[in-house]
Amino acid sequence: MASEHETTPERGHGLHLALLLIGGLMAGTGLLNLYYSFGWVGGDFNSDFSQIGFSALDNIGLLPTSTWSIPLLVVGALMMILANATAWKETDGY
């Protein structure tokens, strides 16, 4: 005999799936672009230190890519957290 939980479709299930997918894509895109968010202007982050000197760590800062990669990562993570906030209800608790 099927329980009531199995026969009743979950309200907002499509929204739950959409939040997970879109949040995952946003967080993944933000994470991949973090590589280009730090460094020094006009130089590759992994370039030879002999070009800029060995004390170049003082010149590392945020690049223009960070204006959208960091917010994408944060918003995507929040979307996935919100989508999974009530996941325990679908499993009838732990």
N, C-alpha and C. Protein backbone atom coordinates (compact mmCIF):
# COMPACT_ATOMS: atom_id res chain seq x y z
N MET A 1 0.83 -1.16 0.00
CA MET A 1 0.00 0.00 0.00
C MET A 1 0.89 1.24 0.00
N ALA A 2 0.58 2.17 -0.86
CA ALA A 2 1.38 3.38 -1.01
C ALA A 2 1.05 4.37 0.10
N SER A 3 2.06 5.03 0.56
CA SER A 3 1.83 6.04 1.59
C SER A 3 1.33 7.33 0.94
N GLU A 4 0.83 8.22 1.76
CA GLU A 4 0.29 9.48 1.25
C GLU A 4 1.38 10.32 0.58
N HIS A 5 2.60 10.23 1.10
CA HIS A 5 3.71 11.01 0.55
C HIS A 5 4.03 10.60 -0.87
N GLU A 6 3.91 9.31 -1.17
CA GLU A 6 4.25 8.82 -2.51
C GLU A 6 3.18 9.13 -3.53
N THR A 7 1.94 9.23 -3.13
CA THR A 7 0.87 9.46 -4.09
C THR A 7 0.62 10.94 -4.35
N THR A 8 0.96 11.79 -3.42
CA THR A 8 0.74 13.22 -3.59
C THR A 8 1.96 13.85 -4.24
N PRO A 9 1.78 14.52 -5.39
CA PRO A 9 2.95 15.18 -5.99
C PRO A 9 3.42 16.34 -5.13
N GLU A 10 4.69 16.50 -5.06
CA GLU A 10 5.29 17.55 -4.23
C GLU A 10 5.08 18.91 -4.88
N ARG A 11 4.54 19.84 -4.11
CA ARG A 11 4.37 21.20 -4.62
C ARG A 11 5.73 21.85 -4.77
N GLY A 12 5.91 22.55 -5.90
CA GLY A 12 7.16 23.25 -6.12
C GLY A 12 8.31 22.36 -6.53
N HIS A 13 8.03 21.12 -6.93
CA HIS A 13 9.11 20.21 -7.30
C HIS A 13 9.87 20.72 -8.52
N GLY A 14 9.16 21.31 -9.48
CA GLY A 14 9.83 21.87 -10.66
C GLY A 14 10.71 23.04 -10.28
N LEU A 15 10.26 23.85 -9.33
CA LEU A 15 11.06 24.97 -8.86
C LEU A 15 12.30 24.46 -8.14
N HIS A 16 12.15 23.39 -7.37
CA HIS A 16 13.29 22.79 -6.67
C HIS A 16 14.35 22.35 -7.68
N LEU A 17 13.94 21.67 -8.72
CA LEU A 17 14.87 21.21 -9.75
C LEU A 17 15.50 22.38 -10.49
N ALA A 18 14.70 23.39 -10.82
CA ALA A 18 15.23 24.56 -11.53
C ALA A 18 16.25 25.30 -10.67
N LEU A 19 15.97 25.45 -9.38
CA LEU A 19 16.92 26.12 -8.48
C LEU A 19 18.24 25.35 -8.41
N LEU A 20 18.15 24.03 -8.34
CA LEU A 20 19.37 23.24 -8.28
C LEU A 20 20.18 23.35 -9.57
N LEU A 21 19.51 23.24 -10.71
CA LEU A 21 20.23 23.30 -11.98
C LEU A 21 20.83 24.68 -12.25
N ILE A 22 20.02 25.70 -12.09
CA ILE A 22 20.50 27.06 -12.36
C ILE A 22 21.56 27.46 -11.33
N GLY A 23 21.32 27.13 -10.07
CA GLY A 23 22.32 27.42 -9.04
C GLY A 23 23.63 26.70 -9.28
N GLY A 24 23.56 25.46 -9.71
CA GLY A 24 24.78 24.71 -10.01
C GLY A 24 25.54 25.29 -11.18
N LEU A 25 24.81 25.70 -12.21
CA LEU A 25 25.47 26.32 -13.37
C LEU A 25 26.11 27.66 -12.98
N MET A 26 25.40 28.44 -12.19
CA MET A 26 25.95 29.73 -11.78
C MET A 26 27.18 29.55 -10.88
N ALA A 27 27.09 28.65 -9.91
CA ALA A 27 28.22 28.42 -9.02
C ALA A 27 29.41 27.84 -9.77
N GLY A 28 29.16 26.93 -10.70
CA GLY A 28 30.24 26.35 -11.49
C GLY A 28 30.92 27.37 -12.39
N THR A 29 30.13 28.23 -13.01
CA THR A 29 30.71 29.27 -13.86
C THR A 29 31.52 30.25 -13.03
N GLY A 30 31.00 30.63 -11.88
CA GLY A 30 31.75 31.53 -11.00
C GLY A 30 33.04 30.91 -10.51
N LEU A 31 33.00 29.62 -10.18
CA LEU A 31 34.20 28.93 -9.68
C LEU A 31 35.26 28.81 -10.78
N LEU A 32 34.83 28.49 -11.99
CA LEU A 32 35.79 28.39 -13.08
C LEU A 32 36.44 29.73 -13.41
N ASN A 33 35.71 30.81 -13.27
CA ASN A 33 36.24 32.12 -13.61
C ASN A 33 36.97 32.79 -12.46
N LEU A 34 37.04 32.15 -11.30
CA LEU A 34 37.84 32.71 -10.20
C LEU A 34 39.33 32.75 -10.57
N TYR A 35 39.74 31.88 -11.46
CA TYR A 35 41.14 31.86 -11.89
C TYR A 35 41.54 33.19 -12.52
N TYR A 36 40.60 33.80 -13.24
CA TYR A 36 40.88 35.06 -13.93
C TYR A 36 40.49 36.27 -13.08
N SER A 37 40.15 36.07 -11.83
CA SER A 37 39.70 37.16 -10.97
C SER A 37 40.81 37.75 -10.12
N PHE A 38 41.92 37.08 -10.01
CA PHE A 38 43.02 37.55 -9.17
C PHE A 38 44.29 37.60 -10.00
N GLY A 39 45.11 38.57 -9.76
CA GLY A 39 46.37 38.71 -10.47
C GLY A 39 46.77 40.17 -10.54
N TRP A 40 47.52 40.52 -11.56
CA TRP A 40 47.91 41.90 -11.75
C TRP A 40 47.51 42.30 -13.16
N VAL A 41 47.18 43.54 -13.30
CA VAL A 41 46.69 44.04 -14.59
C VAL A 41 47.81 43.98 -15.61
N GLY A 42 47.52 43.44 -16.77
CA GLY A 42 48.50 43.39 -17.85
C GLY A 42 49.42 42.19 -17.80
N GLY A 43 49.19 41.25 -16.88
CA GLY A 43 50.05 40.09 -16.80
C GLY A 43 49.27 38.85 -16.47
N ASP A 44 49.76 37.72 -16.92
CA ASP A 44 49.13 36.45 -16.61
C ASP A 44 49.49 36.07 -15.18
N PHE A 45 48.53 35.50 -14.47
CA PHE A 45 48.76 35.15 -13.07
C PHE A 45 49.88 34.13 -12.92
N ASN A 46 50.06 33.27 -13.89
CA ASN A 46 51.09 32.24 -13.81
C ASN A 46 52.31 32.58 -14.67
N SER A 47 52.53 33.87 -14.92
CA SER A 47 53.69 34.24 -15.73
C SER A 47 54.97 34.11 -14.91
N ASP A 48 56.05 34.27 -15.58
CA ASP A 48 57.36 34.13 -14.96
C ASP A 48 57.60 35.29 -13.99
N PHE A 49 58.00 34.98 -12.76
CA PHE A 49 58.23 36.02 -11.76
C PHE A 49 59.44 36.89 -12.09
N SER A 50 60.30 36.44 -13.00
CA SER A 50 61.47 37.25 -13.34
C SER A 50 61.06 38.52 -14.10
N GLN A 51 59.88 38.52 -14.69
CA GLN A 51 59.41 39.71 -15.41
C GLN A 51 59.00 40.81 -14.45
N ILE A 52 58.49 40.46 -13.30
CA ILE A 52 57.95 41.47 -12.39
C ILE A 52 58.67 41.50 -11.05
N GLY A 53 59.58 40.62 -10.85
CA GLY A 53 60.31 40.58 -9.59
C GLY A 53 59.70 39.56 -8.64
N PHE A 54 60.50 39.15 -7.69
CA PHE A 54 60.06 38.11 -6.77
C PHE A 54 59.14 38.64 -5.68
N SER A 55 59.03 39.94 -5.54
CA SER A 55 58.12 40.51 -4.54
C SER A 55 56.80 40.92 -5.19
N ALA A 56 56.38 40.22 -6.18
CA ALA A 56 55.18 40.58 -6.93
C ALA A 56 53.90 40.26 -6.17
N LEU A 57 53.99 39.56 -5.06
CA LEU A 57 52.78 39.24 -4.30
C LEU A 57 52.08 40.48 -3.79
N ASP A 58 52.81 41.57 -3.65
CA ASP A 58 52.17 42.83 -3.23
C ASP A 58 51.30 43.42 -4.33
N ASN A 59 51.52 43.01 -5.57
CA ASN A 59 50.77 43.57 -6.70
C ASN A 59 49.51 42.78 -7.03
N ILE A 60 49.28 41.66 -6.36
CA ILE A 60 48.12 40.84 -6.67
C ILE A 60 46.88 41.54 -6.14
N GLY A 61 45.87 41.62 -6.99
CA GLY A 61 44.62 42.26 -6.60
C GLY A 61 43.46 41.68 -7.39
N LEU A 62 42.30 42.27 -7.23
CA LEU A 62 41.12 41.83 -7.96
C LEU A 62 41.12 42.41 -9.36
N LEU A 63 40.84 41.58 -10.34
CA LEU A 63 40.74 42.00 -11.73
C LEU A 63 39.27 42.23 -12.08
N PRO A 64 39.00 42.84 -13.23
CA PRO A 64 37.60 43.11 -13.59
C PRO A 64 36.70 41.87 -13.66
N THR A 65 37.27 40.72 -13.90
CA THR A 65 36.46 39.49 -13.95
C THR A 65 35.82 39.19 -12.60
N SER A 66 36.43 39.66 -11.54
CA SER A 66 35.90 39.37 -10.21
C SER A 66 34.57 40.05 -9.93
N THR A 67 34.23 41.08 -10.71
CA THR A 67 32.96 41.78 -10.49
C THR A 67 31.75 40.91 -10.81
N TRP A 68 31.94 39.86 -11.61
CA TRP A 68 30.82 38.97 -11.89
C TRP A 68 31.10 37.53 -11.49
N SER A 69 32.34 37.11 -11.36
CA SER A 69 32.58 35.71 -11.01
C SER A 69 32.30 35.43 -9.53
N ILE A 70 32.68 36.34 -8.65
CA ILE A 70 32.43 36.13 -7.22
C ILE A 70 30.93 36.20 -6.91
N PRO A 71 30.18 37.20 -7.44
CA PRO A 71 28.73 37.17 -7.21
C PRO A 71 28.03 35.94 -7.81
N LEU A 72 28.49 35.46 -8.96
CA LEU A 72 27.90 34.25 -9.53
C LEU A 72 28.10 33.06 -8.60
N LEU A 73 29.27 32.95 -8.02
CA LEU A 73 29.56 31.85 -7.11
C LEU A 73 28.69 31.94 -5.86
N VAL A 74 28.56 33.13 -5.29
CA VAL A 74 27.79 33.31 -4.06
C VAL A 74 26.30 33.07 -4.32
N VAL A 75 25.75 33.67 -5.38
CA VAL A 75 24.32 33.51 -5.67
C VAL A 75 23.99 32.07 -6.03
N GLY A 76 24.86 31.43 -6.81
CA GLY A 76 24.63 30.03 -7.16
C GLY A 76 24.65 29.12 -5.94
N ALA A 77 25.58 29.35 -5.03
CA ALA A 77 25.63 28.55 -3.81
C ALA A 77 24.39 28.78 -2.95
N LEU A 78 23.96 30.04 -2.84
CA LEU A 78 22.75 30.32 -2.07
C LEU A 78 21.51 29.67 -2.68
N MET A 79 21.42 29.66 -4.00
CA MET A 79 20.27 29.02 -4.66
C MET A 79 20.25 27.53 -4.36
N MET A 80 21.41 26.88 -4.40
CA MET A 80 21.44 25.45 -4.11
C MET A 80 21.15 25.17 -2.64
N ILE A 81 21.61 26.03 -1.76
CA ILE A 81 21.32 25.86 -0.33
C ILE A 81 19.83 26.01 -0.07
N LEU A 82 19.21 27.02 -0.67
CA LEU A 82 17.77 27.21 -0.49
C LEU A 82 16.96 26.07 -1.08
N ALA A 83 17.40 25.53 -2.21
CA ALA A 83 16.69 24.42 -2.83
C ALA A 83 16.76 23.16 -1.98
N ASN A 84 17.85 22.99 -1.25
CA ASN A 84 18.02 21.79 -0.43
C ASN A 84 17.66 22.01 1.03
N ALA A 85 17.16 23.19 1.37
CA ALA A 85 16.87 23.49 2.77
C ALA A 85 15.78 22.59 3.34
N THR A 86 14.87 22.13 2.51
CA THR A 86 13.78 21.28 2.99
C THR A 86 13.86 19.87 2.41
N ALA A 87 15.04 19.46 2.00
CA ALA A 87 15.18 18.13 1.39
C ALA A 87 14.89 17.03 2.40
N TRP A 88 15.07 17.28 3.68
CA TRP A 88 14.81 16.26 4.70
C TRP A 88 13.34 15.91 4.74
N LYS A 89 12.45 16.82 4.33
CA LYS A 89 11.02 16.52 4.33
C LYS A 89 10.67 15.46 3.29
N GLU A 90 11.39 15.43 2.20
CA GLU A 90 11.11 14.44 1.15
C GLU A 90 11.51 13.04 1.56
N THR A 91 12.40 12.93 2.53
CA THR A 91 12.83 11.61 2.98
C THR A 91 12.19 11.21 4.30
N ASP A 92 11.17 11.95 4.71
CA ASP A 92 10.49 11.71 5.98
C ASP A 92 11.44 11.77 7.16
N GLY A 93 12.31 12.77 7.14
CA GLY A 93 13.29 12.93 8.22
C GLY A 93 14.53 12.12 7.94
N TYR A 94 15.32 11.91 8.93
CA TYR A 94 16.57 11.17 8.72
C TYR A 94 16.34 9.75 9.03
